[in-house]
C-alpha atoms as a PDB file:
ATOM      1  CA  GLU A   1      12.338 -28.356 -23.742  1.00  0.00           C
ATOM      2  CA  VAL A   2      10.205 -28.548 -20.820  1.00  0.00           C
ATOM      3  CA  ALA A   3       8.252 -31.638 -20.233  1.00  0.00           C
ATOM      4  CA  PRO A   4       4.135 -31.222 -20.119  1.00  0.00           C
ATOM      5  CA  PRO A   5       3.419 -30.944 -16.225  1.00  0.00           C
ATOM      6  CA  ALA A   6       0.069 -32.385 -17.352  1.00  0.00           C
ATOM      7  CA  ARG A   7       1.704 -35.687 -17.224  1.00  0.00           C
ATOM      8  CA  ARG A   8       0.885 -37.906 -14.157  1.00  0.00           C
ATOM      9  CA  ASP A   9       4.612 -39.553 -14.239  1.00  0.00           C
ATOM     10  CA  VAL A  10       6.212 -36.046 -14.580  1.00  0.00           C
ATOM     11  CA  ARG A  11       4.332 -34.783 -11.663  1.00  0.00           C
ATOM     12  CA  ALA A  12       4.671 -38.143  -9.518  1.00  0.00           C
ATOM     13  CA  GLY A  13       8.324 -37.282  -9.902  1.00  0.00           C
ATOM     14  CA  GLU A  14       8.458 -33.753  -8.587  1.00  0.00           C
ATOM     15  CA  ILE A  15       6.089 -35.240  -5.770  1.00  0.00           C
ATOM     16  CA  ALA A  16       8.863 -37.736  -4.807  1.00  0.00           C
ATOM     17  CA  MET A  17      11.156 -35.326  -5.159  1.00  0.00           C
ATOM     18  CA  GLY A  18       9.928 -33.132  -2.838  1.00  0.00           C
ATOM     19  CA  ALA A  19       9.003 -35.752  -0.414  1.00  0.00           C
ATOM     20  CA  ALA A  20      12.768 -36.798  -0.884  1.00  0.00           C
ATOM     21  CA  ALA A  21      14.147 -32.954   0.194  1.00  0.00           C
ATOM     22  CA  GLN A  22      11.766 -32.604   2.765  1.00  0.00           C
ATOM     23  CA  ARG A  23      13.369 -35.990   4.611  1.00  0.00           C
ATOM     24  CA  ALA A  24      16.706 -34.739   4.101  1.00  0.00           C
ATOM     25  CA  ARG A  25      16.107 -31.628   5.724  1.00  0.00           C
ATOM     26  CA  TRP A  26      14.337 -33.450   8.624  1.00  0.00           C
ATOM     27  CA  GLU A  27      17.196 -35.768   8.733  1.00  0.00           C
ATOM     28  CA  HIS A  28      19.339 -32.254   8.839  1.00  0.00           C
ATOM     29  CA  SER A  29      17.493 -30.913  11.746  1.00  0.00           C
ATOM     30  CA  ARG A  30      17.835 -34.349  13.736  1.00  0.00           C
ATOM     31  CA  VAL A  31      20.748 -33.161  16.409  1.00  0.00           C
ATOM     32  CA  LEU A  32      19.543 -35.207  19.235  1.00  0.00           C
ATOM     33  CA  ALA A  33      16.887 -37.002  20.227  1.00  0.00           C
ATOM     34  CA  PHE A  34      15.946 -38.630  23.561  1.00  0.00           C
ATOM     35  CA  ILE A  35      14.900 -41.717  25.182  1.00  0.00           C
ATOM     36  CA  GLY A  36      12.418 -41.899  27.814  1.00  0.00           C
ATOM     37  CA  VAL A  37      10.444 -44.112  30.089  1.00  0.00           C
ATOM     38  CA  LEU A  38       7.796 -42.971  31.585  1.00  0.00           C
ATOM     39  CA  ASP A  39       6.333 -44.749  35.293  1.00  0.00           C
ATOM     40  CA  GLY A  40       3.652 -46.675  34.150  1.00  0.00           C
ATOM     41  CA  ASN A  41       1.723 -47.070  36.980  1.00  0.00           C
ATOM     42  CA  GLY A  42       2.466 -44.026  38.531  1.00  0.00           C
ATOM     43  CA  THR A  43       4.071 -45.410  41.970  1.00  0.00           C
ATOM     44  CA  GLY A  44       7.615 -44.418  41.301  1.00  0.00           C
ATOM     45  CA  ALA A  45       8.977 -47.925  41.872  1.00  0.00           C
ATOM     46  CA  SER A  46      12.409 -48.300  40.446  1.00  0.00           C
ATOM     47  CA  ALA A  47      11.583 -51.844  38.445  1.00  0.00           C
ATOM     48  CA  ASN A  48       8.461 -50.477  36.888  1.00  0.00           C
ATOM     49  CA  ALA A  49       7.839 -51.161  33.038  1.00  0.00           C
ATOM     50  CA  GLY A  50       5.749 -49.139  31.310  1.00  0.00           C
ATOM     51  CA  PRO A  51       5.179 -47.507  27.952  1.00  0.00           C
ATOM     52  CA  GLY A  52       8.256 -45.484  26.718  1.00  0.00           C
ATOM     53  CA  LEU A  53       9.691 -43.614  24.199  1.00  0.00           C
ATOM     54  CA  ASN A  54      13.114 -45.322  22.128  1.00  0.00           C
ATOM     55  CA  VAL A  55      14.391 -42.753  19.984  1.00  0.00           C
ATOM     56  CA  ASP A  56      17.782 -42.891  18.409  1.00  0.00           C
ATOM     57  CA  ILE A  57      20.333 -40.832  20.278  1.00  0.00           C
ATOM     58  CA  PRO A  58      22.628 -39.648  17.452  1.00  0.00           C
ATOM     59  CA  VAL A  59      25.368 -37.179  19.659  1.00  0.00           C
ATOM     60  CA  PHE A  60      28.840 -38.789  18.240  1.00  0.00           C
ATOM     61  CA  SER A  61      27.845 -39.531  14.291  1.00  0.00           C
ATOM     62  CA  ARG A  62      25.861 -36.462  14.048  1.00  0.00           C
ATOM     63  CA  ASN A  63      23.236 -38.555  12.225  1.00  0.00           C
ATOM     64  CA  GLN A  64      25.518 -38.481   9.055  1.00  0.00           C
ATOM     65  CA  GLY A  65      24.039 -42.290   8.251  1.00  0.00           C
ATOM     66  CA  ALA A  66      20.768 -41.348   8.316  1.00  0.00           C
ATOM     67  CA  ILE A  67      21.575 -38.217   6.385  1.00  0.00           C
ATOM     68  CA  GLY A  68      23.613 -39.622   3.926  1.00  0.00           C
ATOM     69  CA  ARG A  69      20.507 -42.261   3.237  1.00  0.00           C
ATOM     70  CA  ALA A  70      18.329 -39.204   3.168  1.00  0.00           C
ATOM     71  CA  GLU A  71      20.475 -37.151   0.299  1.00  0.00           C
ATOM     72  CA  ALA A  72      20.968 -40.669  -1.381  1.00  0.00           C
ATOM     73  CA  GLU A  73      17.478 -40.621  -1.925  1.00  0.00           C
ATOM     74  CA  VAL A  74      17.053 -36.984  -3.250  1.00  0.00           C
ATOM     75  CA  ASP A  75      19.630 -37.723  -5.945  1.00  0.00           C
ATOM     76  CA  ARG A  76      17.617 -40.572  -6.763  1.00  0.00           C
ATOM     77  CA  ALA A  77      14.707 -39.532  -6.910  1.00  0.00           C
ATOM     78  CA  GLY A  78      16.061 -36.292  -8.988  1.00  0.00           C
ATOM     79  CA  ARG A  79      17.724 -38.705 -11.134  1.00  0.00           C
ATOM     80  CA  GLN A  80      14.517 -40.950 -12.173  1.00  0.00           C
ATOM     81  CA  TYR A  81      12.544 -37.479 -12.214  1.00  0.00           C
ATOM     82  CA  SER A  82      15.355 -36.101 -14.875  1.00  0.00           C
ATOM     83  CA  ALA A  83      14.976 -39.562 -16.885  1.00  0.00           C
ATOM     84  CA  VAL A  84      10.988 -39.564 -16.895  1.00  0.00           C
ATOM     85  CA  ARG A  85      11.509 -36.160 -18.080  1.00  0.00           C
ATOM     86  CA  ALA A  86      13.398 -36.894 -21.079  1.00  0.00           C
ATOM     87  CA  GLN A  87      11.043 -39.865 -21.995  1.00  0.00           C
ATOM     88  CA  VAL A  88       8.633 -37.525 -21.742  1.00  0.00           C
ATOM     89  CA  VAL A  89      10.111 -35.045 -24.310  1.00  0.00           C
ATOM     90  CA  ALA A  90      11.192 -38.048 -26.665  1.00  0.00           C
ATOM     91  CA  ASP A  91       7.262 -39.540 -26.662  1.00  0.00           C
ATOM     92  CA  VAL A  92       6.004 -35.521 -27.776  1.00  0.00           C
ATOM     93  CA  ARG A  93       8.806 -35.514 -30.383  1.00  0.00           C
ATOM     94  CA  SER A  94       8.303 -38.862 -32.037  1.00  0.00           C
ATOM     95  CA  ALA A  95       4.392 -38.333 -31.466  1.00  0.00           C
ATOM     96  CA  SER A  96       5.078 -34.893 -33.462  1.00  0.00           C
ATOM     97  CA  VAL A  97       7.222 -35.888 -35.947  1.00  0.00           C
ATOM     98  CA  ARG A  98       4.732 -38.833 -36.686  1.00  0.00           C
ATOM     99  CA  VAL A  99       1.434 -36.339 -37.057  1.00  0.00           C
ATOM    100  CA  ARG A 100       3.913 -34.309 -39.170  1.00  0.00           C
ATOM    101  CA  GLN A 101       4.392 -37.357 -41.534  1.00  0.00           C
ATOM    102  CA  ALA A 102       0.610 -38.682 -41.387  1.00  0.00           C
ATOM    103  CA  GLU A 103      -0.360 -34.872 -42.486  1.00  0.00           C
ATOM    104  CA  GLN A 104       1.699 -34.882 -45.519  1.00  0.00           C
ATOM    105  CA  SER A 105       0.615 -38.313 -46.366  1.00  0.00           C
ATOM    106  CA  ILE A 106      -3.395 -37.036 -46.338  1.00  0.00           C
ATOM    107  CA  ALA A 107      -2.301 -33.756 -48.692  1.00  0.00           C
ATOM    108  CA  SER A 108      -0.703 -35.921 -51.231  1.00  0.00           C
ATOM    109  CA  TRP A 109      -3.015 -38.422 -51.287  1.00  0.00           C
ATOM    110  CA  ARG A 110      -5.755 -35.662 -51.198  1.00  0.00           C
ATOM    111  CA  ASP A 111      -4.425 -33.099 -53.281  1.00  0.00           C
ATOM    112  CA  GLU A 112      -2.159 -34.839 -55.921  1.00  0.00           C
ATOM    113  CA  ILE A 113      -2.809 -38.987 -56.297  1.00  0.00           C
ATOM    114  CA  VAL A 114      -7.144 -39.030 -55.765  1.00  0.00           C
ATOM    115  CA  PRO A 115      -7.427 -36.008 -58.075  1.00  0.00           C
ATOM    116  CA  SER A 116      -5.042 -37.375 -60.938  1.00  0.00           C
ATOM    117  CA  LEU A 117      -6.978 -40.822 -60.453  1.00  0.00           C
ATOM    118  CA  GLU A 118     -10.320 -39.409 -60.542  1.00  0.00           C
ATOM    119  CA  VAL A 119      -9.251 -37.404 -64.121  1.00  0.00           C
ATOM    120  CA  GLU A 120      -7.989 -40.806 -64.926  1.00  0.00           C
ATOM    121  CA  GLN A 121     -11.175 -42.833 -64.760  1.00  0.00           C
ATOM    122  CA  LYS A 122     -13.129 -39.729 -66.333  1.00  0.00           C
ATOM    123  CA  GLN A 123     -10.547 -40.089 -69.424  1.00  0.00           C
ATOM    124  CA  ALA A 124     -11.198 -43.773 -68.965  1.00  0.00           C
ATOM    125  CA  GLU A 125     -15.068 -43.555 -69.037  1.00  0.00           C
ATOM    126  CA  GLY A 126     -15.003 -41.658 -72.098  1.00  0.00           C
ATOM    127  CA  ALA A 127     -12.710 -43.781 -73.765  1.00  0.00           C
ATOM    128  CA  TYR A 128     -14.761 -46.663 -72.998  1.00  0.00           C
ATOM    129  CA  GLN A 129     -17.981 -44.977 -74.139  1.00  0.00           C
ATOM    130  CA  ALA A 130     -16.222 -44.292 -77.744  1.00  0.00           C
ATOM    131  CA  GLY A 131     -14.910 -47.961 -77.941  1.00  0.00           C
ATOM    132  CA  GLU A 132     -11.393 -47.009 -77.408  1.00  0.00           C
ATOM    133  CA  ILE A 133     -10.554 -49.352 -74.549  1.00  0.00           C
ATOM    134  CA  PRO A 134     -12.474 -52.533 -73.060  1.00  0.00           C
ATOM    135  CA  LEU A 135     -14.240 -52.850 -70.037  1.00  0.00           C
ATOM    136  CA  PHE A 136     -11.232 -54.545 -67.939  1.00  0.00           C
ATOM    137  CA  ALA A 137      -9.276 -51.287 -69.171  1.00  0.00           C
ATOM    138  CA  LEU A 138     -12.021 -49.221 -67.395  1.00  0.00           C
ATOM    139  CA  LEU A 139     -13.015 -51.609 -64.675  1.00  0.00           C
ATOM    140  CA  ASP A 140      -8.857 -51.221 -63.386  1.00  0.00           C
ATOM    141  CA  VAL A 141      -8.944 -47.766 -63.139  1.00  0.00           C
ATOM    142  CA  ASN A 142     -12.069 -47.907 -61.310  1.00  0.00           C
ATOM    143  CA  ARG A 143     -10.425 -50.053 -58.736  1.00  0.00           C
ATOM    144  CA  ARG A 144      -7.559 -47.803 -58.642  1.00  0.00           C
ATOM    145  CA  LEU A 145      -9.356 -44.800 -58.091  1.00  0.00           C
ATOM    146  CA  VAL A 146     -11.330 -46.971 -55.077  1.00  0.00           C
ATOM    147  CA  ASP A 147      -8.098 -47.969 -53.959  1.00  0.00           C
ATOM    148  CA  GLY A 148      -6.612 -44.143 -53.741  1.00  0.00           C
ATOM    149  CA  ARG A 149      -9.789 -43.162 -52.313  1.00  0.00           C
ATOM    150  CA  THR A 150      -9.388 -46.137 -49.167  1.00  0.00           C
ATOM    151  CA  ARG A 151      -5.769 -45.066 -48.982  1.00  0.00           C
ATOM    152  CA  LEU A 152      -7.105 -41.365 -48.351  1.00  0.00           C
ATOM    153  CA  LEU A 153      -9.291 -42.811 -45.663  1.00  0.00           C
ATOM    154  CA  ASP A 154      -6.899 -44.815 -44.334  1.00  0.00           C
ATOM    155  CA  ALA A 155      -4.099 -41.710 -44.189  1.00  0.00           C
ATOM    156  CA  GLU A 156      -7.281 -39.724 -42.908  1.00  0.00           C
ATOM    157  CA  ALA A 157      -7.267 -42.403 -39.613  1.00  0.00           C
ATOM    158  CA  ASP A 158      -3.325 -42.445 -39.131  1.00  0.00           C
ATOM    159  CA  VAL A 159      -3.342 -38.366 -38.433  1.00  0.00           C
ATOM    160  CA  ARG A 160      -6.339 -38.996 -35.952  1.00  0.00           C
ATOM    161  CA  ARG A 161      -4.426 -41.739 -34.321  1.00  0.00           C
ATOM    162  CA  ALA A 162      -0.801 -39.830 -34.456  1.00  0.00           C
ATOM    163  CA  THR A 163      -2.590 -37.034 -33.088  1.00  0.00           C
ATOM    164  CA  ILE A 164      -4.007 -39.134 -30.051  1.00  0.00           C
ATOM    165  CA  VAL A 165      -0.602 -40.285 -29.314  1.00  0.00           C
ATOM    166  CA  LEU A 166       0.457 -37.051 -29.146  1.00  0.00           C
ATOM    167  CA  GLU A 167      -1.809 -35.428 -27.341  1.00  0.00           C
ATOM    168  CA  ARG A 168      -1.868 -37.963 -24.746  1.00  0.00           C
ATOM    169  CA  SER A 169       2.129 -38.233 -24.948  1.00  0.00           C
ATOM    170  CA  MET A 170       1.541 -34.143 -23.643  1.00  0.00           C
ATOM    171  CA  GLY A 171      -0.724 -35.370 -20.971  1.00  0.00           C
ATOM    172  CA  ARG A 172      -3.995 -33.985 -22.321  1.00  0.00           C
ATOM    173  CA  SER A 173      -7.277 -35.968 -22.882  1.00  0.00           C
ATOM    174  CA  CYS A 174      -8.468 -36.023 -26.391  1.00  0.00           C
ATOM    175  CA  GLN A 175     -12.039 -34.519 -27.053  1.00  0.00           C
ATOM    176  CA  SER A 176     -13.970 -36.271 -29.833  1.00  0.00           C
ATOM    177  CA  ARG A 177     -14.574 -33.866 -32.870  1.00  0.00           C
END
């Protein structure tokens, strides 16, 4: 699976890897650097101090220290990028599982449980009208129906929350529907 490029942390990892690779290429290209001191006042005096340029001359080491440091930075940036990608993939998988579970829950409440409670409530009303059951039994059935409808609404809210988490984990913004 590929980590969503829309995630800012993934994009930051890509940029960090590119910057580290650029630094490594630059260090590899540095073979010789010069130290120079310019004549500040233009008089040519031998003891004249003026603006200057001080740069390392990696002649004997061929810049191995800086190259090694740059290559280690490339390796570190690559490992950090891989860790971020793995975390994003785990976040997306986890969020998609939660969405599926919430959708299954809402389906069972909407298609099975609440309709059976509505049928039970109609039957209890008929039985109460006929004098077959007492009022508290009818009220208990009505309470269970209200609880079932409340659970259905909770399940719908769970689906929306899980969808928002999934959209965020994929790096998308959520639009109100």
